[in-house]
Amino acid sequence: MPLGMETGAIANWQISASSMLLGFMGLQRWAPELARLHRSGIVNAWTASNYDKKPWIQVNLMRKMRVTGVVTQGASRAGSAEYVKTFKVAYSLNGRKFEFVQVDGGFGDKIFVGNVDNNGLRTNMLDTPLEAQYVRLVPVTCHWSCTLRFELLGCELNGCSEPLGLKDYTISDAQITASSTYKTWGVNSFSWYPFYARLDKQGKFNAWTAERNSASEWLQIDLGSQKQVTGIITQGARDFGHIQYVAAYKVAYSDDGLTWTEYKDEGAEESKVFPGNLDNNSHKKNVFETPFLARFVRILPVSWHNRITLRVELLGC
């Protein structure tokens, strides 16, 4: 599954590079954080400086993960197609000592075939998945400048990180409830129901919004049976142009929907407050250091922007 370059689950600060091109008299920053698959706009990719003889771009995944492949894409600059034709992949656990993916038999660094134009996608799957926190793409040959948009493919090490059914409607509307529902202008037909709280849901009313901005509000998901829950992805939304999202939250879980336990990291005395979203559309993924078994999961907003508004997916198995 994609690890979050395109969706924004991988934050800008997690992406770095050896250099970047400053175009149009230094006003255009072709920066590493722009290297997201399908990114649009005039400046929509990473480009290495023309003076950089050993360019690279890397992602800090924040924890050791299983990386299974990479999808690459070029871009256009001033009407000219630019892309990486061939590249190597390096990986690291600490961000200091890197090793290159090897050809079968270990007789040299593997050179991957990249793109042939500015917009097409090229997928390369790794013969042997990597277990790494840092992944670095190292261009070998480029068409004009070394310009790149990309996505990493993989999963959590435990393999238990599949979407549990909010986005794809495996979880029914009746299984998603909340403490309250906001109605824009008090109109019933403008209600932001809890069952709208599905990741990437589209439409004018496409998320759950609480009636009040209060730390006593909650969104609840009934998984139907006990599941191992390993992570969560959250997203905000817009209400007639107003950006709304949950900036921080806690998570509680239960087997019967009556008695609740707030999530704590192992050894912690206080309930964990998870960082939430920074805008209305990007994904923010949080992984539970200590996965839990539960049928019911509640999201408890702690802080928010404008109104408590959520779209969400739970991860686990």
C-alpha atoms as a PDB file:
ATOM      1  CA  MET A   1       0.000   0.000   0.000  1.00  0.00           C
ATOM      2  CA  PRO A   2       1.188   3.610  -0.525  1.00  0.00           C
ATOM      3  CA  LEU A   3       3.079   4.932   2.495  1.00  0.00           C
ATOM      4  CA  GLY A   4       1.854   8.514   2.265  1.00  0.00           C
ATOM      5  CA  MET A   5       3.780  10.736  -0.148  1.00  0.00           C
ATOM      6  CA  GLU A   6       0.741  11.482  -2.297  1.00  0.00           C
ATOM      7  CA  THR A   7      -1.776  11.817   0.534  1.00  0.00           C
ATOM      8  CA  GLY A   8       0.404  13.932   2.819  1.00  0.00           C
ATOM      9  CA  ALA A   9       0.561  11.286   5.555  1.00  0.00           C
ATOM     10  CA  ILE A  10       4.325  11.715   5.145  1.00  0.00           C
ATOM     11  CA  ALA A  11       4.857  15.305   6.320  1.00  0.00           C
ATOM     12  CA  ASN A  12       6.968  17.882   4.480  1.00  0.00           C
ATOM     13  CA  TRP A  13       9.688  17.830   7.137  1.00  0.00           C
ATOM     14  CA  GLN A  14      10.158  14.072   6.658  1.00  0.00           C
ATOM     15  CA  ILE A  15      11.390  14.664   3.081  1.00  0.00           C
ATOM     16  CA  SER A  16      14.909  16.000   2.455  1.00  0.00           C
ATOM     17  CA  ALA A  17      17.380  16.179  -0.419  1.00  0.00           C
ATOM     18  CA  SER A  18      20.999  16.886  -1.287  1.00  0.00           C
ATOM     19  CA  SER A  19      20.001  20.118  -3.056  1.00  0.00           C
ATOM     20  CA  MET A  20      17.178  21.825  -4.905  1.00  0.00           C
ATOM     21  CA  LEU A  21      16.839  23.989  -7.971  1.00  0.00           C
ATOM     22  CA  LEU A  22      15.956  27.657  -7.528  1.00  0.00           C
ATOM     23  CA  GLY A  23      14.295  28.594 -10.817  1.00  0.00           C
ATOM     24  CA  PHE A  24      13.048  31.827 -12.346  1.00  0.00           C
ATOM     25  CA  MET A  25      15.644  34.128 -10.751  1.00  0.00           C
ATOM     26  CA  GLY A  26      15.444  32.214  -7.487  1.00  0.00           C
ATOM     27  CA  LEU A  27      11.704  32.679  -7.037  1.00  0.00           C
ATOM     28  CA  GLN A  28      10.754  29.067  -7.800  1.00  0.00           C
ATOM     29  CA  ARG A  29      11.777  26.506  -5.168  1.00  0.00           C
ATOM     30  CA  TRP A  30      11.736  22.983  -6.634  1.00  0.00           C
ATOM     31  CA  ALA A  31      11.966  21.672  -3.093  1.00  0.00           C
ATOM     32  CA  PRO A  32      12.037  18.059  -1.827  1.00  0.00           C
ATOM     33  CA  GLU A  33       8.640  18.352  -0.109  1.00  0.00           C
ATOM     34  CA  LEU A  34       7.076  18.909  -3.560  1.00  0.00           C
ATOM     35  CA  ALA A  35       8.135  15.433  -4.758  1.00  0.00           C
ATOM     36  CA  ARG A  36       4.687  13.930  -4.238  1.00  0.00           C
ATOM     37  CA  LEU A  37       3.104  11.667  -6.840  1.00  0.00           C
ATOM     38  CA  HIS A  38       0.525  13.484  -9.017  1.00  0.00           C
ATOM     39  CA  ARG A  39       1.262  16.858  -7.421  1.00  0.00           C
ATOM     40  CA  SER A  40      -0.113  19.626  -9.638  1.00  0.00           C
ATOM     41  CA  GLY A  41       0.803  23.266 -10.203  1.00  0.00           C
ATOM     42  CA  ILE A  42       3.535  25.159 -12.016  1.00  0.00           C
ATOM     43  CA  VAL A  43       6.178  24.142  -9.453  1.00  0.00           C
ATOM     44  CA  ASN A  44       5.131  20.598  -8.600  1.00  0.00           C
ATOM     45  CA  ALA A  45       8.171  18.368  -8.078  1.00  0.00           C
ATOM     46  CA  TRP A  46      11.668  18.157  -6.657  1.00  0.00           C
ATOM     47  CA  THR A  47      14.531  19.114  -8.954  1.00  0.00           C
ATOM     48  CA  ALA A  48      18.168  18.812  -7.933  1.00  0.00           C
ATOM     49  CA  SER A  49      20.481  21.783  -8.407  1.00  0.00           C
ATOM     50  CA  ASN A  50      22.283  21.771 -11.752  1.00  0.00           C
ATOM     51  CA  TYR A  51      25.544  21.954  -9.770  1.00  0.00           C
ATOM     52  CA  ASP A  52      24.754  18.848  -7.692  1.00  0.00           C
ATOM     53  CA  LYS A  53      26.892  15.988  -9.042  1.00  0.00           C
ATOM     54  CA  LYS A  54      25.561  13.402  -6.575  1.00  0.00           C
ATOM     55  CA  PRO A  55      21.873  14.216  -6.090  1.00  0.00           C
ATOM     56  CA  TRP A  56      19.529  12.309  -3.794  1.00  0.00           C
ATOM     57  CA  ILE A  57      16.142  12.651  -2.133  1.00  0.00           C
ATOM     58  CA  GLN A  58      15.112  10.747   0.977  1.00  0.00           C
ATOM     59  CA  VAL A  59      12.143  10.045   3.225  1.00  0.00           C
ATOM     60  CA  ASN A  60      12.269   9.512   6.983  1.00  0.00           C
ATOM     61  CA  LEU A  61       9.422   7.068   7.717  1.00  0.00           C
ATOM     62  CA  MET A  62       9.769   7.781  11.472  1.00  0.00           C
ATOM     63  CA  ARG A  63      10.005   4.085  12.355  1.00  0.00           C
ATOM     64  CA  LYS A  64      11.246   0.882  10.804  1.00  0.00           C
ATOM     65  CA  MET A  65       8.815  -0.196   8.095  1.00  0.00           C
ATOM     66  CA  ARG A  66       8.667  -2.783   5.337  1.00  0.00           C
ATOM     67  CA  VAL A  67       9.247  -1.100   1.955  1.00  0.00           C
ATOM     68  CA  THR A  68       8.235  -3.159  -1.072  1.00  0.00           C
ATOM     69  CA  GLY A  69       8.455  -0.777  -4.019  1.00  0.00           C
ATOM     70  CA  VAL A  70       8.570   2.731  -5.453  1.00  0.00           C
ATOM     71  CA  VAL A  71       6.467   4.597  -8.021  1.00  0.00           C
ATOM     72  CA  THR A  72       8.202   7.457  -9.869  1.00  0.00           C
ATOM     73  CA  GLN A  73       7.019  10.304 -12.088  1.00  0.00           C
ATOM     74  CA  GLY A  74       8.707  13.247 -13.775  1.00  0.00           C
ATOM     75  CA  ALA A  75       7.362  16.766 -14.342  1.00  0.00           C
ATOM     76  CA  SER A  76       7.485  19.705 -16.753  1.00  0.00           C
ATOM     77  CA  ARG A  77       9.440  22.893 -16.159  1.00  0.00           C
ATOM     78  CA  ALA A  78       9.001  25.855 -18.479  1.00  0.00           C
ATOM     79  CA  GLY A  79       7.356  23.523 -20.994  1.00  0.00           C
ATOM     80  CA  SER A  80      10.260  21.072 -20.997  1.00  0.00           C
ATOM     81  CA  ALA A  81       9.812  17.440 -19.896  1.00  0.00           C
ATOM     82  CA  GLU A  82      12.247  16.473 -17.127  1.00  0.00           C
ATOM     83  CA  TYR A  83      12.565  13.118 -15.404  1.00  0.00           C
ATOM     84  CA  VAL A  84      14.871  10.532 -13.853  1.00  0.00           C
ATOM     85  CA  LYS A  85      15.710   7.807 -16.389  1.00  0.00           C
ATOM     86  CA  THR A  86      17.566   5.468 -14.023  1.00  0.00           C
ATOM     87  CA  PHE A  87      18.172   5.493 -10.277  1.00  0.00           C
ATOM     88  CA  LYS A  88      19.428   3.534  -7.288  1.00  0.00           C
ATOM     89  CA  VAL A  89      17.692   2.939  -3.960  1.00  0.00           C
ATOM     90  CA  ALA A  90      19.538   3.239  -0.647  1.00  0.00           C
ATOM     91  CA  TYR A  91      18.189   2.562   2.828  1.00  0.00           C
ATOM     92  CA  SER A  92      19.146   3.081   6.458  1.00  0.00           C
ATOM     93  CA  LEU A  93      17.971   2.508  10.013  1.00  0.00           C
ATOM     94  CA  ASN A  94      19.637   5.592  11.506  1.00  0.00           C
ATOM     95  CA  GLY A  95      19.875   8.105   8.651  1.00  0.00           C
ATOM     96  CA  ARG A  96      23.686   8.039   8.723  1.00  0.00           C
ATOM     97  CA  LYS A  97      24.833   4.694   7.358  1.00  0.00           C
ATOM     98  CA  PHE A  98      23.139   3.809   4.059  1.00  0.00           C
ATOM     99  CA  GLU A  99      23.278   0.643   1.984  1.00  0.00           C
ATOM    100  CA  PHE A 100      22.239   0.329  -1.658  1.00  0.00           C
ATOM    101  CA  VAL A 101      19.788  -2.270  -2.897  1.00  0.00           C
ATOM    102  CA  GLN A 102      21.907  -4.914  -4.626  1.00  0.00           C
ATOM    103  CA  VAL A 103      21.422  -6.921  -7.808  1.00  0.00           C
ATOM    104  CA  ASP A 104      20.605 -10.600  -7.294  1.00  0.00           C
ATOM    105  CA  GLY A 105      23.665 -12.292  -5.878  1.00  0.00           C
ATOM    106  CA  GLY A 106      24.980  -9.067  -4.375  1.00  0.00           C
ATOM    107  CA  PHE A 107      27.379  -8.255  -7.215  1.00  0.00           C
ATOM    108  CA  GLY A 108      26.795  -4.512  -7.303  1.00  0.00           C
ATOM    109  CA  ASP A 109      24.218  -1.801  -6.779  1.00  0.00           C
ATOM    110  CA  LYS A 110      20.942  -2.390  -8.595  1.00  0.00           C
ATOM    111  CA  ILE A 111      20.016   0.269 -11.149  1.00  0.00           C
ATOM    112  CA  PHE A 112      16.271   0.716 -11.556  1.00  0.00           C
ATOM    113  CA  VAL A 113      14.649   1.860 -14.793  1.00  0.00           C
ATOM    114  CA  GLY A 114      12.795   5.118 -14.261  1.00  0.00           C
ATOM    115  CA  ASN A 115      10.587   7.276 -16.427  1.00  0.00           C
ATOM    116  CA  VAL A 116      10.428   7.999 -20.157  1.00  0.00           C
ATOM    117  CA  ASP A 117       8.324  11.171 -20.016  1.00  0.00           C
ATOM    118  CA  ASN A 118       7.195  13.889 -17.634  1.00  0.00           C
ATOM    119  CA  ASN A 119       3.861  12.499 -16.452  1.00  0.00           C
ATOM    120  CA  GLY A 120       3.683   8.712 -16.808  1.00  0.00           C
ATOM    121  CA  LEU A 121       4.111   6.446 -13.792  1.00  0.00           C
ATOM    122  CA  ARG A 122       6.828   3.834 -13.442  1.00  0.00           C
ATOM    123  CA  THR A 123       6.462   1.195 -10.703  1.00  0.00           C
ATOM    124  CA  ASN A 124       9.474  -0.787  -9.504  1.00  0.00           C
ATOM    125  CA  MET A 125       8.876  -3.552  -6.967  1.00  0.00           C
ATOM    126  CA  LEU A 126      11.817  -4.695  -4.854  1.00  0.00           C
ATOM    127  CA  ASP A 127      12.841  -8.343  -5.185  1.00  0.00           C
ATOM    128  CA  THR A 128      13.474  -8.401  -1.442  1.00  0.00           C
ATOM    129  CA  PRO A 129      11.460  -5.965   0.710  1.00  0.00           C
ATOM    130  CA  LEU A 130      13.507  -3.564   2.822  1.00  0.00           C
ATOM    131  CA  GLU A 131      13.183  -3.061   6.556  1.00  0.00           C
ATOM    132  CA  ALA A 132      14.235   0.544   6.996  1.00  0.00           C
ATOM    133  CA  GLN A 133      13.345   3.912   8.504  1.00  0.00           C
ATOM    134  CA  TYR A 134      15.084   5.996   5.825  1.00  0.00           C
ATOM    135  CA  VAL A 135      14.723   5.423   2.082  1.00  0.00           C
ATOM    136  CA  ARG A 136      16.816   7.383  -0.406  1.00  0.00           C
ATOM    137  CA  LEU A 137      16.397   7.604  -4.195  1.00  0.00           C
ATOM    138  CA  VAL A 138      19.655   8.364  -5.995  1.00  0.00           C
ATOM    139  CA  PRO A 139      19.314   9.476  -9.655  1.00  0.00           C
ATOM    140  CA  VAL A 140      21.882   7.953 -12.018  1.00  0.00           C
ATOM    141  CA  THR A 141      20.786   9.364 -15.389  1.00  0.00           C
ATOM    142  CA  CYS A 142      18.265  12.126 -16.018  1.00  0.00           C
ATOM    143  CA  HIS A 143      16.530  13.789 -18.969  1.00  0.00           C
ATOM    144  CA  TRP A 144      17.578  17.442 -18.716  1.00  0.00           C
ATOM    145  CA  SER A 145      17.389  18.055 -14.972  1.00  0.00           C
ATOM    146  CA  CYS A 146      16.858  15.390 -12.286  1.00  0.00           C
ATOM    147  CA  THR A 147      13.183  16.020 -11.551  1.00  0.00           C
ATOM    148  CA  LEU A 148      11.063  13.650  -9.503  1.00  0.00           C
ATOM    149  CA  ARG A 149       7.664  12.966  -7.989  1.00  0.00           C
ATOM    150  CA  PHE A 150       7.288   9.624  -6.225  1.00  0.00           C
ATOM    151  CA  GLU A 151       5.480   7.317  -3.818  1.00  0.00           C
ATOM    152  CA  LEU A 152       6.877   4.574  -1.593  1.00  0.00           C
ATOM    153  CA  LEU A 153       5.000   1.282  -1.290  1.00  0.00           C
ATOM    154  CA  GLY A 154       5.009  -0.987   1.753  1.00  0.00           C
ATOM    155  CA  CYS A 155       3.403  -1.693   5.108  1.00  0.00           C
ATOM    156  CA  GLU A 156       4.015  -1.867   8.837  1.00  0.00           C
ATOM    157  CA  LEU A 157       6.459  -4.552   9.942  1.00  0.00           C
ATOM    158  CA  ASN A 158       3.772  -6.555  11.721  1.00  0.00           C
ATOM    159  CA  GLY A 159       1.722  -6.774   8.517  1.00  0.00           C
ATOM    160  CA  CYS A 160      -1.395  -5.798  10.476  1.00  0.00           C
ATOM    161  CA  SER A 161      -2.109  -2.375   9.021  1.00  0.00           C
ATOM    162  CA  GLU A 162      -4.979  -2.898   6.607  1.00  0.00           C
ATOM    163  CA  PRO A 163      -7.871  -0.399   6.427  1.00  0.00           C
ATOM    164  CA  LEU A 164     -10.675  -1.734   8.630  1.00  0.00           C
ATOM    165  CA  GLY A 165     -13.539  -0.561   6.449  1.00  0.00           C
ATOM    166  CA  LEU A 166     -14.556   3.063   6.880  1.00  0.00           C
ATOM    167  CA  LYS A 167     -13.485   4.278   3.443  1.00  0.00           C
ATOM    168  CA  ASP A 168     -14.776   1.236   1.538  1.00  0.00           C
ATOM    169  CA  TYR A 169     -18.085   0.997   3.478  1.00  0.00           C
ATOM    170  CA  THR A 170     -17.314  -2.446   4.942  1.00  0.00           C
ATOM    171  CA  ILE A 171     -18.297  -0.640   8.138  1.00  0.00           C
ATOM    172  CA  SER A 172     -21.945   0.370   7.726  1.00  0.00           C
ATOM    173  CA  ASP A 173     -23.448   3.775   8.507  1.00  0.00           C
ATOM    174  CA  ALA A 174     -25.166   2.309  11.584  1.00  0.00           C
ATOM    175  CA  GLN A 175     -21.769   1.326  13.030  1.00  0.00           C
ATOM    176  CA  ILE A 176     -20.566   4.958  13.119  1.00  0.00           C
ATOM    177  CA  THR A 177     -22.049   7.117  15.887  1.00  0.00           C
ATOM    178  CA  ALA A 178     -21.163  10.321  17.701  1.00  0.00           C
ATOM    179  CA  SER A 179     -21.920  12.474  20.716  1.00  0.00           C
ATOM    180  CA  SER A 180     -23.695  15.072  18.555  1.00  0.00           C
ATOM    181  CA  THR A 181     -24.175  16.328  14.987  1.00  0.00           C
ATOM    182  CA  TYR A 182     -23.715  19.861  13.678  1.00  0.00           C
ATOM    183  CA  LYS A 183     -26.237  21.362  11.249  1.00  0.00           C
ATOM    184  CA  THR A 184     -25.056  24.275   9.130  1.00  0.00           C
ATOM    185  CA  TRP A 185     -27.410  27.212   9.791  1.00  0.00           C
ATOM    186  CA  GLY A 186     -29.488  24.780  11.889  1.00  0.00           C
ATOM    187  CA  VAL A 187     -30.945  23.171   8.756  1.00  0.00           C
ATOM    188  CA  ASN A 188     -31.580  19.390   8.956  1.00  0.00           C
ATOM    189  CA  SER A 189     -30.643  18.851   5.311  1.00  0.00           C
ATOM    190  CA  PHE A 190     -27.255  20.472   6.035  1.00  0.00           C
ATOM    191  CA  SER A 191     -26.272  17.927   8.714  1.00  0.00           C
ATOM    192  CA  TRP A 192     -22.716  16.635   9.172  1.00  0.00           C
ATOM    193  CA  TYR A 193     -23.626  13.127  10.310  1.00  0.00           C
ATOM    194  CA  PRO A 194     -21.160  10.739  12.004  1.00  0.00           C
ATOM    195  CA  PHE A 195     -21.506   8.223   9.162  1.00  0.00           C
ATOM    196  CA  TYR A 196     -20.024  10.841   6.807  1.00  0.00           C
ATOM    197  CA  ALA A 197     -16.704  10.476   8.678  1.00  0.00           C
ATOM    198  CA  ARG A 198     -15.133   8.245   6.023  1.00  0.00           C
ATOM    199  CA  LEU A 199     -11.598   8.955   4.791  1.00  0.00           C
ATOM    200  CA  ASP A 200     -11.596  10.832   1.462  1.00  0.00           C
ATOM    201  CA  LYS A 201     -15.405  11.087   1.343  1.00  0.00           C
ATOM    202  CA  GLN A 202     -16.463  13.635  -1.282  1.00  0.00           C
ATOM    203  CA  GLY A 203     -19.436  15.989  -1.577  1.00  0.00           C
ATOM    204  CA  LYS A 204     -20.672  19.186   0.095  1.00  0.00           C
ATOM    205  CA  PHE A 205     -21.294  17.314   3.356  1.00  0.00           C
ATOM    206  CA  ASN A 206     -18.438  14.855   3.579  1.00  0.00           C
ATOM    207  CA  ALA A 207     -17.363  14.568   7.221  1.00  0.00           C
ATOM    208  CA  TRP A 208     -18.632  14.432  10.782  1.00  0.00           C
ATOM    209  CA  THR A 209     -18.824  17.731  12.635  1.00  0.00           C
ATOM    210  CA  ALA A 210     -19.760  17.952  16.314  1.00  0.00           C
ATOM    211  CA  GLU A 211     -22.563  20.279  17.377  1.00  0.00           C
ATOM    212  CA  ARG A 212     -20.337  21.947  19.973  1.00  0.00           C
ATOM    213  CA  ASN A 213     -16.627  22.629  20.229  1.00  0.00           C
ATOM    214  CA  SER A 214     -16.039  20.710  23.447  1.00  0.00           C
ATOM    215  CA  ALA A 215     -13.558  18.112  24.681  1.00  0.00           C
ATOM    216  CA  SER A 216     -16.576  16.012  25.709  1.00  0.00           C
ATOM    217  CA  GLU A 217     -17.451  15.289  22.050  1.00  0.00           C
ATOM    218  CA  TRP A 218     -16.557  11.940  20.478  1.00  0.00           C
ATOM    219  CA  LEU A 219     -16.812   9.871  17.299  1.00  0.00           C
ATOM    220  CA  GLN A 220     -17.326   6.116  17.739  1.00  0.00           C
ATOM    221  CA  ILE A 221     -16.772   3.181  15.395  1.00  0.00           C
ATOM    222  CA  ASP A 222     -18.206  -0.281  16.041  1.00  0.00           C
ATOM    223  CA  LEU A 223     -15.945  -2.752  14.231  1.00  0.00           C
ATOM    224  CA  GLY A 224     -18.598  -5.476  14.524  1.00  0.00           C
ATOM    225  CA  SER A 225     -16.252  -7.869  16.301  1.00  0.00           C
ATOM    226  CA  GLN A 226     -13.002  -7.661  18.225  1.00  0.00           C
ATOM    227  CA  LYS A 227     -10.125  -6.535  15.982  1.00  0.00           C
ATOM    228  CA  GLN A 228      -6.482  -5.715  16.524  1.00  0.00           C
ATOM    229  CA  VAL A 229      -6.192  -1.971  15.960  1.00  0.00           C
ATOM    230  CA  THR A 230      -2.718  -0.732  15.035  1.00  0.00           C
ATOM    231  CA  GLY A 231      -3.219   2.790  13.716  1.00  0.00           C
ATOM    232  CA  ILE A 232      -5.486   5.585  12.553  1.00  0.00           C
ATOM    233  CA  ILE A 233      -5.610   8.081   9.677  1.00  0.00           C
ATOM    234  CA  THR A 234      -7.485  11.366  10.142  1.00  0.00           C
ATOM    235  CA  GLN A 235      -8.558  14.132   7.787  1.00  0.00           C
ATOM    236  CA  GLY A 236     -10.491  17.397   8.106  1.00  0.00           C
ATOM    237  CA  ALA A 237     -12.992  18.992   5.697  1.00  0.00           C
ATOM    238  CA  ARG A 238     -14.489  22.293   4.519  1.00  0.00           C
ATOM    239  CA  ASP A 239     -17.881  23.759   5.395  1.00  0.00           C
ATOM    240  CA  PHE A 240     -18.762  26.274   2.683  1.00  0.00           C
ATOM    241  CA  GLY A 241     -15.122  27.332   2.351  1.00  0.00           C
ATOM    242  CA  HIS A 242     -14.292  27.267   6.068  1.00  0.00           C
ATOM    243  CA  ILE A 243     -11.366  24.935   6.805  1.00  0.00           C
ATOM    244  CA  GLN A 244     -12.132  22.685   9.795  1.00  0.00           C
ATOM    245  CA  TYR A 245     -10.158  19.878  11.419  1.00  0.00           C
ATOM    246  CA  VAL A 246      -9.120  18.192  14.656  1.00  0.00           C
ATOM    247  CA  ALA A 247      -5.587  19.276  15.582  1.00  0.00           C
ATOM    248  CA  ALA A 248      -5.088  16.811  18.468  1.00  0.00           C
ATOM    249  CA  TYR A 249      -7.060  13.936  19.944  1.00  0.00           C
ATOM    250  CA  LYS A 250      -7.079  10.946  22.273  1.00  0.00           C
ATOM    251  CA  VAL A 251      -8.262   7.417  21.474  1.00  0.00           C
ATOM    252  CA  ALA A 252     -10.396   5.195  23.704  1.00  0.00           C
ATOM    253  CA  TYR A 253     -11.445   1.583  23.165  1.00  0.00           C
ATOM    254  CA  SER A 254     -13.962  -0.885  24.565  1.00  0.00           C
ATOM    255  CA  ASP A 255     -15.279  -4.414  24.116  1.00  0.00           C
ATOM    256  CA  ASP A 256     -18.857  -3.659  25.160  1.00  0.00           C
ATOM    257  CA  GLY A 257     -19.328   0.021  24.281  1.00  0.00           C
ATOM    258  CA  LEU A 258     -19.888   0.838  27.965  1.00  0.00           C
ATOM    259  CA  THR A 259     -16.546   0.588  29.755  1.00  0.00           C
ATOM    260  CA  TRP A 260     -13.782   2.550  28.044  1.00  0.00           C
ATOM    261  CA  THR A 261      -9.990   2.590  28.286  1.00  0.00           C
ATOM    262  CA  GLU A 262      -8.049   5.584  26.996  1.00  0.00           C
ATOM    263  CA  TYR A 263      -4.968   4.625  24.992  1.00  0.00           C
ATOM    264  CA  LYS A 264      -1.566   5.062  26.645  1.00  0.00           C
ATOM    265  CA  ASP A 265       1.874   4.251  25.307  1.00  0.00           C
ATOM    266  CA  GLU A 266       3.564   1.398  27.142  1.00  0.00           C
ATOM    267  CA  GLY A 267       4.805   2.597  30.535  1.00  0.00           C
ATOM    268  CA  ALA A 268       3.073   5.985  30.274  1.00  0.00           C
ATOM    269  CA  GLU A 269       0.922   7.317  33.106  1.00  0.00           C
ATOM    270  CA  GLU A 270      -1.134   9.761  31.033  1.00  0.00           C
ATOM    271  CA  SER A 271      -3.414   9.104  28.074  1.00  0.00           C
ATOM    272  CA  LYS A 272      -1.618   9.789  24.812  1.00  0.00           C
ATOM    273  CA  VAL A 273      -2.555  12.926  22.881  1.00  0.00           C
ATOM    274  CA  PHE A 274      -2.022  12.279  19.177  1.00  0.00           C
ATOM    275  CA  PRO A 275      -1.104  15.056  16.719  1.00  0.00           C
ATOM    276  CA  GLY A 276      -3.936  15.575  14.266  1.00  0.00           C
ATOM    277  CA  ASN A 277      -4.350  17.546  11.073  1.00  0.00           C
ATOM    278  CA  LEU A 278      -2.991  20.889   9.886  1.00  0.00           C
ATOM    279  CA  ASP A 279      -5.452  21.477   7.048  1.00  0.00           C
ATOM    280  CA  ASN A 280      -8.760  20.246   5.667  1.00  0.00           C
ATOM    281  CA  ASN A 281      -7.586  17.563   3.246  1.00  0.00           C
ATOM    282  CA  SER A 282      -4.195  15.997   4.043  1.00  0.00           C
ATOM    283  CA  HIS A 283      -4.028  12.604   5.734  1.00  0.00           C
ATOM    284  CA  LYS A 284      -2.390  12.352   9.161  1.00  0.00           C
ATOM    285  CA  LYS A 285      -1.402   8.818  10.125  1.00  0.00           C
ATOM    286  CA  ASN A 286      -0.649   7.782  13.703  1.00  0.00           C
ATOM    287  CA  VAL A 287       0.531   4.291  14.597  1.00  0.00           C
ATOM    288  CA  PHE A 288      -0.152   2.820  18.032  1.00  0.00           C
ATOM    289  CA  GLU A 289       3.079   1.877  19.780  1.00  0.00           C
ATOM    290  CA  THR A 290       1.032  -0.742  21.631  1.00  0.00           C
ATOM    291  CA  PRO A 291      -1.746  -2.138  19.390  1.00  0.00           C
ATOM    292  CA  PHE A 292      -4.962  -3.091  21.187  1.00  0.00           C
ATOM    293  CA  LEU A 293      -7.802  -5.580  20.773  1.00  0.00           C
ATOM    294  CA  ALA A 294     -11.250  -4.006  20.782  1.00  0.00           C
ATOM    295  CA  ARG A 295     -14.636  -3.930  19.098  1.00  0.00           C
ATOM    296  CA  PHE A 296     -15.407  -0.248  19.744  1.00  0.00           C
ATOM    297  CA  VAL A 297     -13.055   2.686  19.143  1.00  0.00           C
ATOM    298  CA  ARG A 298     -13.678   6.317  20.076  1.00  0.00           C
ATOM    299  CA  ILE A 299     -11.830   9.407  18.894  1.00  0.00           C
ATOM    300  CA  LEU A 300     -11.818  12.126  21.560  1.00  0.00           C
ATOM    301  CA  PRO A 301     -10.965  15.596  20.175  1.00  0.00           C
ATOM    302  CA  VAL A 302      -8.604  17.660  22.339  1.00  0.00           C
ATOM    303  CA  SER A 303      -8.014  20.692  20.098  1.00  0.00           C
ATOM    304  CA  TRP A 304      -9.398  21.808  16.746  1.00  0.00           C
ATOM    305  CA  HIS A 305      -9.502  24.521  14.086  1.00  0.00           C
ATOM    306  CA  ASN A 306     -12.855  26.308  13.656  1.00  0.00           C
ATOM    307  CA  ARG A 307     -15.040  23.249  14.310  1.00  0.00           C
ATOM    308  CA  ILE A 308     -14.487  19.639  15.397  1.00  0.00           C
ATOM    309  CA  THR A 309     -14.553  17.934  11.993  1.00  0.00           C
ATOM    310  CA  LEU A 310     -13.303  14.460  11.093  1.00  0.00           C
ATOM    311  CA  ARG A 311     -12.900  11.971   8.306  1.00  0.00           C
ATOM    312  CA  VAL A 312     -11.126   8.823   9.442  1.00  0.00           C
ATOM    313  CA  GLU A 313      -9.873   5.313   8.738  1.00  0.00           C
ATOM    314  CA  LEU A 314      -8.790   2.743  11.316  1.00  0.00           C
ATOM    315  CA  LEU A 315      -5.920   0.357  10.556  1.00  0.00           C
ATOM    316  CA  GLY A 316      -5.432  -3.168  11.837  1.00  0.00           C
ATOM    317  CA  CYS A 317      -6.497  -6.754  11.199  1.00  0.00           C
END
